[in-house]
């Protein structure tokens, strides 16, 4: 529990160019029938 929860600066800055470089990403989306409660 004692670990820190410091958000990386590059995740906060609007432009990663001045916060350390290019941020790579990979995103996938799926659409499901029904509400989100059970999925959550």
ModelCIF file with pLDDT and N, C-alpha, C, O atoms, coordinates in Angstrom:
data_MODEL
#
_entry.id   MODEL 
#
_entity.id                         1 
_entity.type                       polymer 
_entity.pdbx_number_of_molecules   1 
#
_entity_poly.entity_id                      1 
_entity_poly.type                           'polypeptide(L)' 
_entity_poly.nstd_linkage                   no 
_entity_poly.nstd_monomer                   no 
_entity_poly.pdbx_seq_one_letter_code       
;(UNK)(UNK)(UNK)(UNK)(UNK)(UNK)(UNK)(UNK)(UNK)(UNK)(UNK)(UNK)(UNK)(UNK)(UNK)(UNK)
(UNK)(UNK)(UNK)(UNK)(UNK)(UNK)(UNK)(UNK)(UNK)(UNK)(UNK)(UNK)(UNK)(UNK)(UNK)(UNK)
(UNK)(UNK)(UNK)(UNK)(UNK)(UNK)(UNK)(UNK)
;
_entity_poly.pdbx_seq_one_letter_code_can   XXXXXXXXXXXXXXXXXXXXXXXXXXXXXXXXXXXXXXXX 
_entity_poly.pdbx_strand_id                 A 
#
loop_
_entity_poly_seq.entity_id 
_entity_poly_seq.num 
_entity_poly_seq.mon_id 
_entity_poly_seq.hetero 
1 1  UNK n 
1 2  UNK n 
1 3  UNK n 
1 4  UNK n 
1 5  UNK n 
1 6  UNK n 
1 7  UNK n 
1 8  UNK n 
1 9  UNK n 
1 10 UNK n 
1 11 UNK n 
1 12 UNK n 
1 13 UNK n 
1 14 UNK n 
1 15 UNK n 
1 16 UNK n 
1 17 UNK n 
1 18 UNK n 
1 19 UNK n 
1 20 UNK n 
1 21 UNK n 
1 22 UNK n 
1 23 UNK n 
1 24 UNK n 
1 25 UNK n 
1 26 UNK n 
1 27 UNK n 
1 28 UNK n 
1 29 UNK n 
1 30 UNK n 
1 31 UNK n 
1 32 UNK n 
1 33 UNK n 
1 34 UNK n 
1 35 UNK n 
1 36 UNK n 
1 37 UNK n 
1 38 UNK n 
1 39 UNK n 
1 40 UNK n 
#
_struct_asym.id          A 
_struct_asym.entity_id   1 
#
loop_
_ma_qa_metric.id 
_ma_qa_metric.mode 
_ma_qa_metric.name 
_ma_qa_metric.software_group_id 
_ma_qa_metric.type 
1 global pLDDT . pLDDT 
2 local  pLDDT . pLDDT 
#
_ma_qa_metric_global.metric_id      1 
_ma_qa_metric_global.metric_value   70.70 
_ma_qa_metric_global.model_id       1 
_ma_qa_metric_global.ordinal_id     1 
#
loop_
_ma_qa_metric_local.label_asym_id 
_ma_qa_metric_local.label_comp_id 
_ma_qa_metric_local.label_seq_id 
_ma_qa_metric_local.metric_id 
_ma_qa_metric_local.metric_value 
_ma_qa_metric_local.model_id 
_ma_qa_metric_local.ordinal_id 
A UNK 1  2 70.00 1 1  
A UNK 2  2 65.00 1 2  
A UNK 3  2 58.00 1 3  
A UNK 4  2 60.00 1 4  
A UNK 5  2 62.00 1 5  
A UNK 6  2 64.00 1 6  
A UNK 7  2 66.00 1 7  
A UNK 8  2 70.00 1 8  
A UNK 9  2 64.00 1 9  
A UNK 10 2 66.00 1 10 
A UNK 11 2 63.00 1 11 
A UNK 12 2 57.00 1 12 
A UNK 13 2 47.00 1 13 
A UNK 14 2 43.00 1 14 
A UNK 15 2 43.00 1 15 
A UNK 16 2 44.00 1 16 
A UNK 17 2 44.00 1 17 
A UNK 18 2 41.00 1 18 
A UNK 19 2 42.00 1 19 
A UNK 20 2 47.00 1 20 
A UNK 21 2 57.00 1 21 
A UNK 22 2 80.00 1 22 
A UNK 23 2 86.00 1 23 
A UNK 24 2 89.00 1 24 
A UNK 25 2 90.00 1 25 
A UNK 26 2 91.00 1 26 
A UNK 27 2 92.00 1 27 
A UNK 28 2 92.00 1 28 
A UNK 29 2 92.00 1 29 
A UNK 30 2 92.00 1 30 
A UNK 31 2 92.00 1 31 
A UNK 32 2 91.00 1 32 
A UNK 33 2 87.00 1 33 
A UNK 34 2 75.00 1 34 
A UNK 35 2 69.00 1 35 
A UNK 36 2 81.00 1 36 
A UNK 37 2 86.00 1 37 
A UNK 38 2 87.00 1 38 
A UNK 39 2 90.00 1 39 
A UNK 40 2 93.00 1 40 
#
loop_
_atom_site.group_PDB 
_atom_site.id 
_atom_site.type_symbol 
_atom_site.label_atom_id 
_atom_site.label_alt_id 
_atom_site.label_comp_id 
_atom_site.label_asym_id 
_atom_site.label_entity_id 
_atom_site.label_seq_id 
_atom_site.pdbx_PDB_ins_code 
_atom_site.Cartn_x 
_atom_site.Cartn_y 
_atom_site.Cartn_z 
_atom_site.occupancy 
_atom_site.B_iso_or_equiv 
_atom_site.pdbx_formal_charge 
_atom_site.auth_seq_id 
_atom_site.auth_comp_id 
_atom_site.auth_asym_id 
_atom_site.auth_atom_id 
_atom_site.pdbx_PDB_model_num 
ATOM 1   N N  . UNK A 1 1  ? 0.818   -1.212 0.000   1.00 70.00 ? 1  UNK A N  1 
ATOM 2   C CA . UNK A 1 1  ? 0.000   0.000  0.000   1.00 70.00 ? 1  UNK A CA 1 
ATOM 3   C C  . UNK A 1 1  ? 0.852   1.261  0.000   1.00 70.00 ? 1  UNK A C  1 
ATOM 4   O O  . UNK A 1 1  ? 0.389   2.325  -0.411  1.00 70.00 ? 1  UNK A O  1 
ATOM 5   N N  . UNK A 1 2  ? 2.092   1.145  0.459   1.00 65.00 ? 2  UNK A N  1 
ATOM 6   C CA . UNK A 1 2  ? 2.923   2.327  0.654   1.00 65.00 ? 2  UNK A CA 1 
ATOM 7   C C  . UNK A 1 2  ? 3.465   2.903  -0.650  1.00 65.00 ? 2  UNK A C  1 
ATOM 8   O O  . UNK A 1 2  ? 4.117   3.947  -0.618  1.00 65.00 ? 2  UNK A O  1 
ATOM 9   N N  . UNK A 1 3  ? 3.224   2.267  -1.797  1.00 58.00 ? 3  UNK A N  1 
ATOM 10  C CA . UNK A 1 3  ? 3.733   2.787  -3.066  1.00 58.00 ? 3  UNK A CA 1 
ATOM 11  C C  . UNK A 1 3  ? 3.115   4.120  -3.424  1.00 58.00 ? 3  UNK A C  1 
ATOM 12  O O  . UNK A 1 3  ? 1.985   4.411  -3.032  1.00 58.00 ? 3  UNK A O  1 
ATOM 13  N N  . UNK A 1 4  ? 3.853   4.936  -4.170  1.00 60.00 ? 4  UNK A N  1 
ATOM 14  C CA . UNK A 1 4  ? 3.341   6.249  -4.566  1.00 60.00 ? 4  UNK A CA 1 
ATOM 15  C C  . UNK A 1 4  ? 2.385   6.119  -5.741  1.00 60.00 ? 4  UNK A C  1 
ATOM 16  O O  . UNK A 1 4  ? 2.364   5.106  -6.439  1.00 60.00 ? 4  UNK A O  1 
ATOM 17  N N  . UNK A 1 5  ? 1.594   7.168  -5.942  1.00 62.00 ? 5  UNK A N  1 
ATOM 18  C CA . UNK A 1 5  ? 0.656   7.196  -7.073  1.00 62.00 ? 5  UNK A CA 1 
ATOM 19  C C  . UNK A 1 5  ? 0.922   8.435  -7.926  1.00 62.00 ? 5  UNK A C  1 
ATOM 20  O O  . UNK A 1 5  ? -0.001  9.130  -8.352  1.00 62.00 ? 5  UNK A O  1 
ATOM 21  N N  . UNK A 1 6  ? 2.190   8.686  -8.160  1.00 64.00 ? 6  UNK A N  1 
ATOM 22  C CA . UNK A 1 6  ? 2.574   9.848  -8.954  1.00 64.00 ? 6  UNK A CA 1 
ATOM 23  C C  . UNK A 1 6  ? 2.268   9.605  -10.426 1.00 64.00 ? 6  UNK A C  1 
ATOM 24  O O  . UNK A 1 6  ? 2.757   8.647  -11.025 1.00 64.00 ? 6  UNK A O  1 
ATOM 25  N N  . UNK A 1 7  ? 1.459   10.479 -10.996 1.00 66.00 ? 7  UNK A N  1 
ATOM 26  C CA . UNK A 1 7  ? 1.133   10.380 -12.413 1.00 66.00 ? 7  UNK A CA 1 
ATOM 27  C C  . UNK A 1 7  ? 2.315   10.866 -13.234 1.00 66.00 ? 7  UNK A C  1 
ATOM 28  O O  . UNK A 1 7  ? 2.826   11.955 -12.969 1.00 66.00 ? 7  UNK A O  1 
ATOM 29  N N  . UNK A 1 8  ? 2.775   10.094 -14.232 1.00 70.00 ? 8  UNK A N  1 
ATOM 30  C CA . UNK A 1 8  ? 3.904   10.534 -15.051 1.00 70.00 ? 8  UNK A CA 1 
ATOM 31  C C  . UNK A 1 8  ? 3.633   11.887 -15.700 1.00 70.00 ? 8  UNK A C  1 
ATOM 32  O O  . UNK A 1 8  ? 2.518   12.171 -16.138 1.00 70.00 ? 8  UNK A O  1 
ATOM 33  N N  . UNK A 1 9  ? 4.667   12.709 -15.754 1.00 64.00 ? 9  UNK A N  1 
ATOM 34  C CA . UNK A 1 9  ? 4.507   14.052 -16.320 1.00 64.00 ? 9  UNK A CA 1 
ATOM 35  C C  . UNK A 1 9  ? 4.018   14.006 -17.762 1.00 64.00 ? 9  UNK A C  1 
ATOM 36  O O  . UNK A 1 9  ? 3.234   14.856 -18.185 1.00 64.00 ? 9  UNK A O  1 
ATOM 37  N N  . UNK A 1 10 ? 4.483   13.006 -18.516 1.00 66.00 ? 10 UNK A N  1 
ATOM 38  C CA . UNK A 1 10 ? 4.099   12.941 -19.922 1.00 66.00 ? 10 UNK A CA 1 
ATOM 39  C C  . UNK A 1 10 ? 2.621   12.626 -20.097 1.00 66.00 ? 10 UNK A C  1 
ATOM 40  O O  . UNK A 1 10 ? 2.033   12.943 -21.131 1.00 66.00 ? 10 UNK A O  1 
ATOM 41  N N  . UNK A 1 11 ? 2.016   11.998 -19.081 1.00 63.00 ? 11 UNK A N  1 
ATOM 42  C CA . UNK A 1 11 ? 0.592   11.691 -19.164 1.00 63.00 ? 11 UNK A CA 1 
ATOM 43  C C  . UNK A 1 11 ? -0.258  12.911 -18.836 1.00 63.00 ? 11 UNK A C  1 
ATOM 44  O O  . UNK A 1 11 ? -1.445  12.953 -19.160 1.00 63.00 ? 11 UNK A O  1 
ATOM 45  N N  . UNK A 1 12 ? 0.355   13.908 -18.188 1.00 57.00 ? 12 UNK A N  1 
ATOM 46  C CA . UNK A 1 12 ? -0.364  15.119 -17.818 1.00 57.00 ? 12 UNK A CA 1 
ATOM 47  C C  . UNK A 1 12 ? -0.184  16.201 -18.876 1.00 57.00 ? 12 UNK A C  1 
ATOM 48  O O  . UNK A 1 12 ? -1.125  16.922 -19.208 1.00 57.00 ? 12 UNK A O  1 
ATOM 49  N N  . UNK A 1 13 ? 1.029   16.306 -19.398 1.00 47.00 ? 13 UNK A N  1 
ATOM 50  C CA . UNK A 1 13 ? 1.312   17.371 -20.358 1.00 47.00 ? 13 UNK A CA 1 
ATOM 51  C C  . UNK A 1 13 ? 0.506   17.185 -21.637 1.00 47.00 ? 13 UNK A C  1 
ATOM 52  O O  . UNK A 1 13 ? 0.239   16.062 -22.064 1.00 47.00 ? 13 UNK A O  1 
ATOM 53  N N  . UNK A 1 14 ? 0.131   18.289 -22.231 1.00 43.00 ? 14 UNK A N  1 
ATOM 54  C CA . UNK A 1 14 ? -0.647  18.232 -23.461 1.00 43.00 ? 14 UNK A CA 1 
ATOM 55  C C  . UNK A 1 14 ? 0.200   17.883 -24.666 1.00 43.00 ? 14 UNK A C  1 
ATOM 56  O O  . UNK A 1 14 ? -0.334  17.500 -25.707 1.00 43.00 ? 14 UNK A O  1 
ATOM 57  N N  . UNK A 1 15 ? 1.513   18.009 -24.543 1.00 43.00 ? 15 UNK A N  1 
ATOM 58  C CA . UNK A 1 15 ? 2.396   17.717 -25.671 1.00 43.00 ? 15 UNK A CA 1 
ATOM 59  C C  . UNK A 1 15 ? 3.576   16.923 -25.148 1.00 43.00 ? 15 UNK A C  1 
ATOM 60  O O  . UNK A 1 15 ? 4.406   17.450 -24.407 1.00 43.00 ? 15 UNK A O  1 
ATOM 61  N N  . UNK A 1 16 ? 3.653   15.657 -25.531 1.00 44.00 ? 16 UNK A N  1 
ATOM 62  C CA . UNK A 1 16 ? 4.733   14.810 -25.027 1.00 44.00 ? 16 UNK A CA 1 
ATOM 63  C C  . UNK A 1 16 ? 6.088   15.253 -25.530 1.00 44.00 ? 16 UNK A C  1 
ATOM 64  O O  . UNK A 1 16 ? 7.111   14.845 -24.980 1.00 44.00 ? 16 UNK A O  1 
ATOM 65  N N  . UNK A 1 17 ? 6.122   16.077 -26.561 1.00 44.00 ? 17 UNK A N  1 
ATOM 66  C CA . UNK A 1 17 ? 7.387   16.514 -27.107 1.00 44.00 ? 17 UNK A CA 1 
ATOM 67  C C  . UNK A 1 17 ? 8.260   17.207 -26.092 1.00 44.00 ? 17 UNK A C  1 
ATOM 68  O O  . UNK A 1 17 ? 9.480   17.042 -26.102 1.00 44.00 ? 17 UNK A O  1 
ATOM 69  N N  . UNK A 1 18 ? 7.631   18.007 -25.185 1.00 41.00 ? 18 UNK A N  1 
ATOM 70  C CA . UNK A 1 18 ? 8.444   18.688 -24.187 1.00 41.00 ? 18 UNK A CA 1 
ATOM 71  C C  . UNK A 1 18 ? 8.425   17.983 -22.847 1.00 41.00 ? 18 UNK A C  1 
ATOM 72  O O  . UNK A 1 18 ? 9.008   18.476 -21.881 1.00 41.00 ? 18 UNK A O  1 
ATOM 73  N N  . UNK A 1 19 ? 7.763   16.836 -22.770 1.00 42.00 ? 19 UNK A N  1 
ATOM 74  C CA . UNK A 1 19 ? 7.747   16.089 -21.514 1.00 42.00 ? 19 UNK A CA 1 
ATOM 75  C C  . UNK A 1 19 ? 8.518   14.789 -21.635 1.00 42.00 ? 19 UNK A C  1 
ATOM 76  O O  . UNK A 1 19 ? 8.454   13.946 -20.739 1.00 42.00 ? 19 UNK A O  1 
ATOM 77  N N  . UNK A 1 20 ? 9.250   14.613 -22.733 1.00 47.00 ? 20 UNK A N  1 
ATOM 78  C CA . UNK A 1 20 ? 10.101  13.441 -22.791 1.00 47.00 ? 20 UNK A CA 1 
ATOM 79  C C  . UNK A 1 20 ? 10.136  12.721 -24.113 1.00 47.00 ? 20 UNK A C  1 
ATOM 80  O O  . UNK A 1 20 ? 11.001  11.864 -24.295 1.00 47.00 ? 20 UNK A O  1 
ATOM 81  N N  . UNK A 1 21 ? 9.247   13.011 -25.059 1.00 57.00 ? 21 UNK A N  1 
ATOM 82  C CA . UNK A 1 21 ? 9.293   12.348 -26.347 1.00 57.00 ? 21 UNK A CA 1 
ATOM 83  C C  . UNK A 1 21 ? 7.944   11.819 -26.775 1.00 57.00 ? 21 UNK A C  1 
ATOM 84  O O  . UNK A 1 21 ? 6.924   12.099 -26.144 1.00 57.00 ? 21 UNK A O  1 
ATOM 85  N N  . UNK A 1 22 ? 7.944   11.047 -27.859 1.00 80.00 ? 22 UNK A N  1 
ATOM 86  C CA . UNK A 1 22 ? 6.715   10.501 -28.419 1.00 80.00 ? 22 UNK A CA 1 
ATOM 87  C C  . UNK A 1 22 ? 6.130   9.407  -27.541 1.00 80.00 ? 22 UNK A C  1 
ATOM 88  O O  . UNK A 1 22 ? 6.848   8.531  -27.059 1.00 80.00 ? 22 UNK A O  1 
ATOM 89  N N  . UNK A 1 23 ? 4.816   9.467  -27.337 1.00 86.00 ? 23 UNK A N  1 
ATOM 90  C CA . UNK A 1 23 ? 4.112   8.441  -26.586 1.00 86.00 ? 23 UNK A CA 1 
ATOM 91  C C  . UNK A 1 23 ? 3.469   7.478  -27.573 1.00 86.00 ? 23 UNK A C  1 
ATOM 92  O O  . UNK A 1 23 ? 2.630   7.881  -28.379 1.00 86.00 ? 23 UNK A O  1 
ATOM 93  N N  . UNK A 1 24 ? 3.855   6.213  -27.515 1.00 89.00 ? 24 UNK A N  1 
ATOM 94  C CA . UNK A 1 24 ? 3.256   5.197  -28.365 1.00 89.00 ? 24 UNK A CA 1 
ATOM 95  C C  . UNK A 1 24 ? 1.979   4.693  -27.714 1.00 89.00 ? 24 UNK A C  1 
ATOM 96  O O  . UNK A 1 24 ? 1.858   4.689  -26.489 1.00 89.00 ? 24 UNK A O  1 
ATOM 97  N N  . UNK A 1 25 ? 1.036   4.274  -28.527 1.00 90.00 ? 25 UNK A N  1 
ATOM 98  C CA . UNK A 1 25 ? -0.202  3.757  -27.954 1.00 90.00 ? 25 UNK A CA 1 
ATOM 99  C C  . UNK A 1 25 ? -0.779  2.652  -28.825 1.00 90.00 ? 25 UNK A C  1 
ATOM 100 O O  . UNK A 1 25 ? -0.491  2.547  -30.017 1.00 90.00 ? 25 UNK A O  1 
ATOM 101 N N  . UNK A 1 26 ? -1.599  1.842  -28.189 1.00 91.00 ? 26 UNK A N  1 
ATOM 102 C CA . UNK A 1 26 ? -2.318  0.784  -28.884 1.00 91.00 ? 26 UNK A CA 1 
ATOM 103 C C  . UNK A 1 26 ? -3.692  0.678  -28.233 1.00 91.00 ? 26 UNK A C  1 
ATOM 104 O O  . UNK A 1 26 ? -3.792  0.432  -27.031 1.00 91.00 ? 26 UNK A O  1 
ATOM 105 N N  . UNK A 1 27 ? -4.765  0.864  -29.028 1.00 92.00 ? 27 UNK A N  1 
ATOM 106 C CA . UNK A 1 27 ? -6.122  0.899  -28.488 1.00 92.00 ? 27 UNK A CA 1 
ATOM 107 C C  . UNK A 1 27 ? -7.034  -0.077 -29.221 1.00 92.00 ? 27 UNK A C  1 
ATOM 108 O O  . UNK A 1 27 ? -6.978  -0.205 -30.444 1.00 92.00 ? 27 UNK A O  1 
ATOM 109 N N  . UNK A 1 28 ? -7.872  -0.760 -28.449 1.00 92.00 ? 28 UNK A N  1 
ATOM 110 C CA . UNK A 1 28 ? -8.861  -1.680 -29.019 1.00 92.00 ? 28 UNK A CA 1 
ATOM 111 C C  . UNK A 1 28 ? -10.225 -1.373 -28.401 1.00 92.00 ? 28 UNK A C  1 
ATOM 112 O O  . UNK A 1 28 ? -10.339 -1.040 -27.221 1.00 92.00 ? 28 UNK A O  1 
ATOM 113 N N  . UNK A 1 29 ? -11.256 -1.499 -29.245 1.00 92.00 ? 29 UNK A N  1 
ATOM 114 C CA . UNK A 1 29 ? -12.612 -1.194 -28.809 1.00 92.00 ? 29 UNK A CA 1 
ATOM 115 C C  . UNK A 1 29 ? -13.529 -2.359 -29.136 1.00 92.00 ? 29 UNK A C  1 
ATOM 116 O O  . UNK A 1 29 ? -13.374 -3.023 -30.161 1.00 92.00 ? 29 UNK A O  1 
ATOM 117 N N  . UNK A 1 30 ? -14.497 -2.598 -28.241 1.00 92.00 ? 30 UNK A N  1 
ATOM 118 C CA . UNK A 1 30 ? -15.509 -3.611 -28.463 1.00 92.00 ? 30 UNK A CA 1 
ATOM 119 C C  . UNK A 1 30 ? -16.854 -3.062 -28.002 1.00 92.00 ? 30 UNK A C  1 
ATOM 120 O O  . UNK A 1 30 ? -16.936 -2.415 -26.958 1.00 92.00 ? 30 UNK A O  1 
ATOM 121 N N  . UNK A 1 31 ? -17.913 -3.317 -28.778 1.00 92.00 ? 31 UNK A N  1 
ATOM 122 C CA . UNK A 1 31 ? -19.258 -2.881 -28.405 1.00 92.00 ? 31 UNK A CA 1 
ATOM 123 C C  . UNK A 1 31 ? -20.052 -4.102 -27.960 1.00 92.00 ? 31 UNK A C  1 
ATOM 124 O O  . UNK A 1 31 ? -20.098 -5.120 -28.650 1.00 92.00 ? 31 UNK A O  1 
ATOM 125 N N  . UNK A 1 32 ? -20.679 -3.977 -26.787 1.00 91.00 ? 32 UNK A N  1 
ATOM 126 C CA . UNK A 1 32 ? -21.412 -5.087 -26.195 1.00 91.00 ? 32 UNK A CA 1 
ATOM 127 C C  . UNK A 1 32 ? -22.872 -4.704 -25.964 1.00 91.00 ? 32 UNK A C  1 
ATOM 128 O O  . UNK A 1 32 ? -23.193 -3.547 -25.692 1.00 91.00 ? 32 UNK A O  1 
ATOM 129 N N  . UNK A 1 33 ? -23.726 -5.681 -26.078 1.00 87.00 ? 33 UNK A N  1 
ATOM 130 C CA . UNK A 1 33 ? -25.139 -5.440 -25.848 1.00 87.00 ? 33 UNK A CA 1 
ATOM 131 C C  . UNK A 1 33 ? -25.422 -5.354 -24.354 1.00 87.00 ? 33 UNK A C  1 
ATOM 132 O O  . UNK A 1 33 ? -24.909 -6.156 -23.573 1.00 87.00 ? 33 UNK A O  1 
ATOM 133 N N  . UNK A 1 34 ? -26.241 -4.380 -23.957 1.00 75.00 ? 34 UNK A N  1 
ATOM 134 C CA . UNK A 1 34 ? -26.640 -4.274 -22.560 1.00 75.00 ? 34 UNK A CA 1 
ATOM 135 C C  . UNK A 1 34 ? -25.831 -3.263 -21.786 1.00 75.00 ? 34 UNK A C  1 
ATOM 136 O O  . UNK A 1 34 ? -24.938 -2.609 -22.327 1.00 75.00 ? 34 UNK A O  1 
ATOM 137 N N  . UNK A 1 35 ? -26.157 -3.142 -20.503 1.00 69.00 ? 35 UNK A N  1 
ATOM 138 C CA . UNK A 1 35 ? -25.517 -2.170 -19.634 1.00 69.00 ? 35 UNK A CA 1 
ATOM 139 C C  . UNK A 1 35 ? -24.108 -2.561 -19.218 1.00 69.00 ? 35 UNK A C  1 
ATOM 140 O O  . UNK A 1 35 ? -23.601 -3.626 -19.571 1.00 69.00 ? 35 UNK A O  1 
ATOM 141 N N  . UNK A 1 36 ? -23.486 -1.654 -18.446 1.00 81.00 ? 36 UNK A N  1 
ATOM 142 C CA . UNK A 1 36 ? -22.074 -1.815 -18.123 1.00 81.00 ? 36 UNK A CA 1 
ATOM 143 C C  . UNK A 1 36 ? -21.823 -2.395 -16.740 1.00 81.00 ? 36 UNK A C  1 
ATOM 144 O O  . UNK A 1 36 ? -20.677 -2.687 -16.397 1.00 81.00 ? 36 UNK A O  1 
ATOM 145 N N  . UNK A 1 37 ? -22.874 -2.569 -15.934 1.00 86.00 ? 37 UNK A N  1 
ATOM 146 C CA . UNK A 1 37 ? -22.658 -2.950 -14.532 1.00 86.00 ? 37 UNK A CA 1 
ATOM 147 C C  . UNK A 1 37 ? -21.908 -4.267 -14.382 1.00 86.00 ? 37 UNK A C  1 
ATOM 148 O O  . UNK A 1 37 ? -20.908 -4.342 -13.669 1.00 86.00 ? 37 UNK A O  1 
ATOM 149 N N  . UNK A 1 38 ? -22.397 -5.304 -15.060 1.00 87.00 ? 38 UNK A N  1 
ATOM 150 C CA . UNK A 1 38 ? -21.772 -6.619 -14.955 1.00 87.00 ? 38 UNK A CA 1 
ATOM 151 C C  . UNK A 1 38 ? -20.362 -6.605 -15.550 1.00 87.00 ? 38 UNK A C  1 
ATOM 152 O O  . UNK A 1 38 ? -19.452 -7.239 -15.016 1.00 87.00 ? 38 UNK A O  1 
ATOM 153 N N  . UNK A 1 39 ? -20.189 -5.895 -16.632 1.00 90.00 ? 39 UNK A N  1 
ATOM 154 C CA . UNK A 1 39 ? -18.879 -5.791 -17.271 1.00 90.00 ? 39 UNK A CA 1 
ATOM 155 C C  . UNK A 1 39 ? -17.892 -5.093 -16.353 1.00 90.00 ? 39 UNK A C  1 
ATOM 156 O O  . UNK A 1 39 ? -16.733 -5.497 -16.255 1.00 90.00 ? 39 UNK A O  1 
ATOM 157 N N  . UNK A 1 40 ? -18.350 -4.044 -15.680 1.00 93.00 ? 40 UNK A N  1 
ATOM 158 C CA . UNK A 1 40 ? -17.473 -3.326 -14.766 1.00 93.00 ? 40 UNK A CA 1 
ATOM 159 C C  . UNK A 1 40 ? -17.026 -4.223 -13.611 1.00 93.00 ? 40 UNK A C  1 
ATOM 160 O O  . UNK A 1 40 ? -16.278 -3.781 -12.739 1.00 93.00 ? 40 UNK A O  1 
#
